[in-house]
Amino acid sequence: MKKSDQPSYEAAYSELRLILSELQDGTVGIDALTAKVERANELVRFCRERLRLTEEAVQQLSQQNPTA
C-alpha cells in the first residue's frame, strides 16, 4: 500500500471496529471470513505502526524541550 493510499488512523480504526462488530455478530459468511480477518490484520498493523511513529515523535519533542 502506497503512503497516499493509506487511510488515516481514525478511518483505519473505524473500519477495524466495523469488522470486529461483524465478526462478533456472526454476520460474516464463511466465504468472506478469511478476507475480513486478513483486512483486520492489515489494519491492526497499520494502527500499531502509526501509534509507534507518533510515540517516537513525542519522545523526540520531549527530549528537545525537557521543560515542556
PDB file of N, CA and C in Angstrom:
ATOM      1  N   MET A   1       0.833  -1.177   0.000  1.00  0.00           N
ATOM      2  CA  MET A   1       0.000   0.000   0.000  1.00  0.00           C
ATOM      3  C   MET A   1       0.882   1.247   0.000  1.00  0.00           C
ATOM      4  N   LYS A   2       0.690   2.139  -0.972  1.00  0.00           N
ATOM      5  CA  LYS A   2       1.445   3.373  -1.024  1.00  0.00           C
ATOM      6  C   LYS A   2       0.983   4.303   0.083  1.00  0.00           C
ATOM      7  N   LYS A   3       1.884   5.190   0.492  1.00  0.00           N
ATOM      8  CA  LYS A   3       1.552   6.113   1.569  1.00  0.00           C
ATOM      9  C   LYS A   3       0.296   6.910   1.246  1.00  0.00           C
ATOM     10  N   SER A   4       0.132   7.345  -0.007  1.00  0.00           N
ATOM     11  CA  SER A   4      -1.035   8.128  -0.392  1.00  0.00           C
ATOM     12  C   SER A   4      -2.311   7.286  -0.364  1.00  0.00           C
ATOM     13  N   ASP A   5      -2.178   5.964  -0.443  1.00  0.00           N
ATOM     14  CA  ASP A   5      -3.333   5.078  -0.415  1.00  0.00           C
ATOM     15  C   ASP A   5      -3.738   4.697   1.000  1.00  0.00           C
ATOM     16  N   GLN A   6      -2.911   5.039   1.978  1.00  0.00           N
ATOM     17  CA  GLN A   6      -3.187   4.642   3.352  1.00  0.00           C
ATOM     18  C   GLN A   6      -4.297   5.505   3.945  1.00  0.00           C
ATOM     19  N   PRO A   7      -5.156   4.877   4.723  1.00  0.00           N
ATOM     20  CA  PRO A   7      -6.213   5.647   5.386  1.00  0.00           C
ATOM     21  C   PRO A   7      -5.628   6.430   6.557  1.00  0.00           C
ATOM     22  N   SER A   8      -6.405   7.328   7.080  1.00  0.00           N
ATOM     23  CA  SER A   8      -5.983   7.982   8.314  1.00  0.00           C
ATOM     24  C   SER A   8      -6.101   6.955   9.440  1.00  0.00           C
ATOM     25  N   TYR A   9      -5.477   7.245  10.560  1.00  0.00           N
ATOM     26  CA  TYR A   9      -5.581   6.352  11.708  1.00  0.00           C
ATOM     27  C   TYR A   9      -7.045   6.186  12.095  1.00  0.00           C
ATOM     28  N   GLU A  10      -7.777   7.289  12.130  1.00  0.00           N
ATOM     29  CA  GLU A  10      -9.183   7.249  12.542  1.00  0.00           C
ATOM     30  C   GLU A  10     -10.020   6.389  11.594  1.00  0.00           C
ATOM     31  N   ALA A  11      -9.764   6.510  10.288  1.00  0.00           N
ATOM     32  CA  ALA A  11     -10.501   5.708   9.312  1.00  0.00           C
ATOM     33  C   ALA A  11     -10.168   4.228   9.458  1.00  0.00           C
ATOM     34  N   ALA A  12      -8.893   3.921   9.657  1.00  0.00           N
ATOM     35  CA  ALA A  12      -8.470   2.530   9.824  1.00  0.00           C
ATOM     36  C   ALA A  12      -9.073   1.936  11.091  1.00  0.00           C
ATOM     37  N   TYR A  13      -9.048   2.711  12.172  1.00  0.00           N
ATOM     38  CA  TYR A  13      -9.603   2.236  13.441  1.00  0.00           C
ATOM     39  C   TYR A  13     -11.108   2.022  13.327  1.00  0.00           C
ATOM     40  N   SER A  14     -11.785   2.913  12.640  1.00  0.00           N
ATOM     41  CA  SER A  14     -13.230   2.784  12.436  1.00  0.00           C
ATOM     42  C   SER A  14     -13.560   1.534  11.625  1.00  0.00           C
ATOM     43  N   GLU A  15     -12.795   1.299  10.561  1.00  0.00           N
ATOM     44  CA  GLU A  15     -13.014   0.096   9.748  1.00  0.00           C
ATOM     45  C   GLU A  15     -12.738  -1.163  10.561  1.00  0.00           C
ATOM     46  N   LEU A  16     -11.709  -1.125  11.370  1.00  0.00           N
ATOM     47  CA  LEU A  16     -11.376  -2.271  12.218  1.00  0.00           C
ATOM     48  C   LEU A  16     -12.511  -2.574  13.193  1.00  0.00           C
ATOM     49  N   ARG A  17     -13.077  -1.532  13.788  1.00  0.00           N
ATOM     50  CA  ARG A  17     -14.206  -1.722  14.712  1.00  0.00           C
ATOM     51  C   ARG A  17     -15.418  -2.313  13.995  1.00  0.00           C
ATOM     52  N   LEU A  18     -15.655  -1.880  12.761  1.00  0.00           N
ATOM     53  CA  LEU A  18     -16.757  -2.413  11.970  1.00  0.00           C
ATOM     54  C   LEU A  18     -16.553  -3.901  11.692  1.00  0.00           C
ATOM     55  N   ILE A  19     -15.353  -4.263  11.288  1.00  0.00           N
ATOM     56  CA  ILE A  19     -15.049  -5.680  11.023  1.00  0.00           C
ATOM     57  C   ILE A  19     -15.228  -6.497  12.290  1.00  0.00           C
ATOM     58  N   LEU A  20     -14.730  -6.003  13.401  1.00  0.00           N
ATOM     59  CA  LEU A  20     -14.874  -6.713  14.668  1.00  0.00           C
ATOM     60  C   LEU A  20     -16.343  -6.911  15.015  1.00  0.00           C
ATOM     61  N   SER A  21     -17.135  -5.889  14.821  1.00  0.00           N
ATOM     62  CA  SER A  21     -18.566  -5.983  15.098  1.00  0.00           C
ATOM     63  C   SER A  21     -19.225  -7.043  14.215  1.00  0.00           C
ATOM     64  N   GLU A  22     -18.873  -7.045  12.940  1.00  0.00           N
ATOM     65  CA  GLU A  22     -19.417  -8.044  12.016  1.00  0.00           C
ATOM     66  C   GLU A  22     -19.028  -9.455  12.442  1.00  0.00           C
ATOM     67  N   LEU A  23     -17.766  -9.620  12.864  1.00  0.00           N
ATOM     68  CA  LEU A  23     -17.302 -10.941  13.290  1.00  0.00           C
ATOM     69  C   LEU A  23     -18.012 -11.385  14.560  1.00  0.00           C
ATOM     70  N   GLN A  24     -18.215 -10.461  15.490  1.00  0.00           N
ATOM     71  CA  GLN A  24     -18.884 -10.793  16.742  1.00  0.00           C
ATOM     72  C   GLN A  24     -20.364 -11.093  16.533  1.00  0.00           C
ATOM     73  N   ASP A  25     -20.981 -10.373  15.596  1.00  0.00           N
ATOM     74  CA  ASP A  25     -22.412 -10.571  15.332  1.00  0.00           C
ATOM     75  C   ASP A  25     -22.684 -11.826  14.512  1.00  0.00           C
ATOM     76  N   GLY A  26     -21.645 -12.360  13.917  1.00  0.00           N
ATOM     77  CA  GLY A  26     -21.819 -13.541  13.084  1.00  0.00           C
ATOM     78  C   GLY A  26     -22.451 -13.221  11.743  1.00  0.00           C
ATOM     79  N   THR A  27     -22.349 -11.962  11.304  1.00  0.00           N
ATOM     80  CA  THR A  27     -22.956 -11.568  10.037  1.00  0.00           C
ATOM     81  C   THR A  27     -22.037 -11.793   8.839  1.00  0.00           C
ATOM     82  N   VAL A  28     -20.820 -12.269   9.099  1.00  0.00           N
ATOM     83  CA  VAL A  28     -19.874 -12.531   8.014  1.00  0.00           C
ATOM     84  C   VAL A  28     -20.012 -13.982   7.588  1.00  0.00           C
ATOM     85  N   GLY A  29     -20.277 -14.164   6.311  1.00  0.00           N
ATOM     86  CA  GLY A  29     -20.368 -15.512   5.778  1.00  0.00           C
ATOM     87  C   GLY A  29     -19.004 -16.181   5.743  1.00  0.00           C
ATOM     88  N   ILE A  30     -19.010 -17.472   5.710  1.00  0.00           N
ATOM     89  CA  ILE A  30     -17.764 -18.226   5.740  1.00  0.00           C
ATOM     90  C   ILE A  30     -16.860 -17.874   4.560  1.00  0.00           C
ATOM     91  N   ASP A  31     -17.463 -17.548   3.416  1.00  0.00           N
ATOM     92  CA  ASP A  31     -16.663 -17.209   2.240  1.00  0.00           C
ATOM     93  C   ASP A  31     -15.921 -15.886   2.420  1.00  0.00           C
ATOM     94  N   ALA A  32     -16.477 -14.969   3.167  1.00  0.00           N
ATOM     95  CA  ALA A  32     -15.855 -13.662   3.370  1.00  0.00           C
ATOM     96  C   ALA A  32     -14.991 -13.605   4.630  1.00  0.00           C
ATOM     97  N   LEU A  33     -15.054 -14.630   5.453  1.00  0.00           N
ATOM     98  CA  LEU A  33     -14.369 -14.618   6.744  1.00  0.00           C
ATOM     99  C   LEU A  33     -12.859 -14.421   6.604  1.00  0.00           C
ATOM    100  N   THR A  34     -12.237 -15.169   5.729  1.00  0.00           N
ATOM    101  CA  THR A  34     -10.787 -15.071   5.555  1.00  0.00           C
ATOM    102  C   THR A  34     -10.380 -13.665   5.116  1.00  0.00           C
ATOM    103  N   ALA A  35     -11.109 -13.106   4.169  1.00  0.00           N
ATOM    104  CA  ALA A  35     -10.798 -11.759   3.689  1.00  0.00           C
ATOM    105  C   ALA A  35     -10.963 -10.731   4.803  1.00  0.00           C
ATOM    106  N   LYS A  36     -11.993 -10.876   5.619  1.00  0.00           N
ATOM    107  CA  LYS A  36     -12.224  -9.932   6.724  1.00  0.00           C
ATOM    108  C   LYS A  36     -11.102 -10.031   7.764  1.00  0.00           C
ATOM    109  N   VAL A  37     -10.694 -11.242   8.077  1.00  0.00           N
ATOM    110  CA  VAL A  37      -9.629 -11.440   9.060  1.00  0.00           C
ATOM    111  C   VAL A  37      -8.307 -10.880   8.522  1.00  0.00           C
ATOM    112  N   GLU A  38      -8.016 -11.109   7.255  1.00  0.00           N
ATOM    113  CA  GLU A  38      -6.795 -10.569   6.652  1.00  0.00           C
ATOM    114  C   GLU A  38      -6.810  -9.046   6.659  1.00  0.00           C
ATOM    115  N   ARG A  39      -7.961  -8.454   6.324  1.00  0.00           N
ATOM    116  CA  ARG A  39      -8.065  -6.993   6.331  1.00  0.00           C
ATOM    117  C   ARG A  39      -7.898  -6.455   7.753  1.00  0.00           C
ATOM    118  N   ALA A  40      -8.492  -7.130   8.719  1.00  0.00           N
ATOM    119  CA  ALA A  40      -8.340  -6.709  10.112  1.00  0.00           C
ATOM    120  C   ALA A  40      -6.875  -6.745  10.523  1.00  0.00           C
ATOM    121  N   ASN A  41      -6.156  -7.777  10.127  1.00  0.00           N
ATOM    122  CA  ASN A  41      -4.719  -7.866  10.437  1.00  0.00           C
ATOM    123  C   ASN A  41      -3.943  -6.708   9.815  1.00  0.00           C
ATOM    124  N   GLU A  42      -4.265  -6.359   8.567  1.00  0.00           N
ATOM    125  CA  GLU A  42      -3.616  -5.220   7.914  1.00  0.00           C
ATOM    126  C   GLU A  42      -3.874  -3.933   8.694  1.00  0.00           C
ATOM    127  N   LEU A  43      -5.118  -3.743   9.107  1.00  0.00           N
ATOM    128  CA  LEU A  43      -5.487  -2.528   9.830  1.00  0.00           C
ATOM    129  C   LEU A  43      -4.812  -2.461  11.195  1.00  0.00           C
ATOM    130  N   VAL A  44      -4.717  -3.591  11.877  1.00  0.00           N
ATOM    131  CA  VAL A  44      -4.041  -3.626  13.178  1.00  0.00           C
ATOM    132  C   VAL A  44      -2.574  -3.250  13.004  1.00  0.00           C
ATOM    133  N   ARG A  45      -1.914  -3.824  12.010  1.00  0.00           N
ATOM    134  CA  ARG A  45      -0.505  -3.492  11.755  1.00  0.00           C
ATOM    135  C   ARG A  45      -0.353  -2.002  11.441  1.00  0.00           C
ATOM    136  N   PHE A  46      -1.238  -1.474  10.599  1.00  0.00           N
ATOM    137  CA  PHE A  46      -1.185  -0.056  10.243  1.00  0.00           C
ATOM    138  C   PHE A  46      -1.351   0.821  11.485  1.00  0.00           C
ATOM    139  N   CYS A  47      -2.342   0.522  12.309  1.00  0.00           N
ATOM    140  CA  CYS A  47      -2.596   1.325  13.508  1.00  0.00           C
ATOM    141  C   CYS A  47      -1.432   1.240  14.491  1.00  0.00           C
ATOM    142  N   ARG A  48      -0.898   0.059  14.692  1.00  0.00           N
ATOM    143  CA  ARG A  48       0.252  -0.091  15.591  1.00  0.00           C
ATOM    144  C   ARG A  48       1.446   0.720  15.106  1.00  0.00           C
ATOM    145  N   GLU A  49       1.702   0.666  13.802  1.00  0.00           N
ATOM    146  CA  GLU A  49       2.824   1.407  13.241  1.00  0.00           C
ATOM    147  C   GLU A  49       2.592   2.911  13.387  1.00  0.00           C
ATOM    148  N   ARG A  50       1.392   3.363  13.111  1.00  0.00           N
ATOM    149  CA  ARG A  50       1.094   4.792  13.239  1.00  0.00           C
ATOM    150  C   ARG A  50       1.278   5.243  14.689  1.00  0.00           C
ATOM    151  N   LEU A  51       0.822   4.431  15.638  1.00  0.00           N
ATOM    152  CA  LEU A  51       0.996   4.768  17.054  1.00  0.00           C
ATOM    153  C   LEU A  51       2.471   4.774  17.446  1.00  0.00           C
ATOM    154  N   ARG A  52       3.227   3.821  16.926  1.00  0.00           N
ATOM    155  CA  ARG A  52       4.667   3.755  17.225  1.00  0.00           C
ATOM    156  C   ARG A  52       5.377   5.010  16.718  1.00  0.00           C
ATOM    157  N   LEU A  53       5.070   5.405  15.498  1.00  0.00           N
ATOM    158  CA  LEU A  53       5.685   6.596  14.921  1.00  0.00           C
ATOM    159  C   LEU A  53       5.305   7.854  15.705  1.00  0.00           C
ATOM    160  N   THR A  54       4.065   7.920  16.138  1.00  0.00           N
ATOM    161  CA  THR A  54       3.616   9.065  16.929  1.00  0.00           C
ATOM    162  C   THR A  54       4.325   9.106  18.270  1.00  0.00           C
ATOM    163  N   GLU A  55       4.472   7.945  18.899  1.00  0.00           N
ATOM    164  CA  GLU A  55       5.180   7.876  20.174  1.00  0.00           C
ATOM    165  C   GLU A  55       6.633   8.324  20.019  1.00  0.00           C
ATOM    166  N   GLU A  56       7.291   7.895  18.943  1.00  0.00           N
ATOM    167  CA  GLU A  56       8.662   8.314  18.691  1.00  0.00           C
ATOM    168  C   GLU A  56       8.745   9.828  18.518  1.00  0.00           C
ATOM    169  N   ALA A  57       7.801  10.401  17.791  1.00  0.00           N
ATOM    170  CA  ALA A  57       7.803  11.845  17.568  1.00  0.00           C
ATOM    171  C   ALA A  57       7.614  12.597  18.880  1.00  0.00           C
ATOM    172  N   VAL A  58       6.738  12.099  19.733  1.00  0.00           N
ATOM    173  CA  VAL A  58       6.509  12.736  21.033  1.00  0.00           C
ATOM    174  C   VAL A  58       7.765  12.638  21.891  1.00  0.00           C
ATOM    175  N   GLN A  59       8.422  11.492  21.873  1.00  0.00           N
ATOM    176  CA  GLN A  59       9.650  11.323  22.644  1.00  0.00           C
ATOM    177  C   GLN A  59      10.735  12.280  22.151  1.00  0.00           C
ATOM    178  N   GLN A  60      10.846  12.439  20.842  1.00  0.00           N
ATOM    179  CA  GLN A  60      11.844  13.366  20.291  1.00  0.00           C
ATOM    180  C   GLN A  60      11.539  14.792  20.727  1.00  0.00           C
ATOM    181  N   LEU A  61      10.271  15.162  20.695  1.00  0.00           N
ATOM    182  CA  LEU A  61       9.902  16.508  21.138  1.00  0.00           C
ATOM    183  C   LEU A  61      10.210  16.726  22.613  1.00  0.00           C
ATOM    184  N   SER A  62       9.919  15.725  23.422  1.00  0.00           N
ATOM    185  CA  SER A  62      10.168  15.879  24.866  1.00  0.00           C
ATOM    186  C   SER A  62      11.662  15.926  25.160  1.00  0.00           C
ATOM    187  N   GLN A  63      12.482  15.277  24.342  1.00  0.00           N
ATOM    188  CA  GLN A  63      13.930  15.335  24.527  1.00  0.00           C
ATOM    189  C   GLN A  63      14.475  16.691  24.088  1.00  0.00           C
ATOM    190  N   GLN A  64      13.851  17.300  23.109  1.00  0.00           N
ATOM    191  CA  GLN A  64      14.282  18.606  22.634  1.00  0.00           C
ATOM    192  C   GLN A  64      13.843  19.715  23.588  1.00  0.00           C
ATOM    193  N   ASN A  65      12.712  19.516  24.279  1.00  0.00           N
ATOM    194  CA  ASN A  65      12.159  20.508  25.196  1.00  0.00           C
ATOM    195  C   ASN A  65      11.934  19.863  26.564  1.00  0.00           C
ATOM    196  N   PRO A  66      12.985  19.594  27.317  1.00  0.00           N
ATOM    197  CA  PRO A  66      12.823  18.861  28.580  1.00  0.00           C
ATOM    198  C   PRO A  66      11.991  19.595  29.628  1.00  0.00           C
ATOM    199  N   THR A  67      11.798  20.884  29.514  1.00  0.00           N
ATOM    200  CA  THR A  67      10.996  21.612  30.489  1.00  0.00           C
ATOM    201  C   THR A  67       9.528  21.652  30.108  1.00  0.00           C
ATOM    202  N   ALA A  68       9.203  21.211  28.920  1.00  0.00           N
ATOM    203  CA  ALA A  68       7.814  21.272  28.455  1.00  0.00           C
ATOM    204  C   ALA A  68       7.000  20.158  29.035  1.00  0.00           C
TER     205      ALA A  68
END
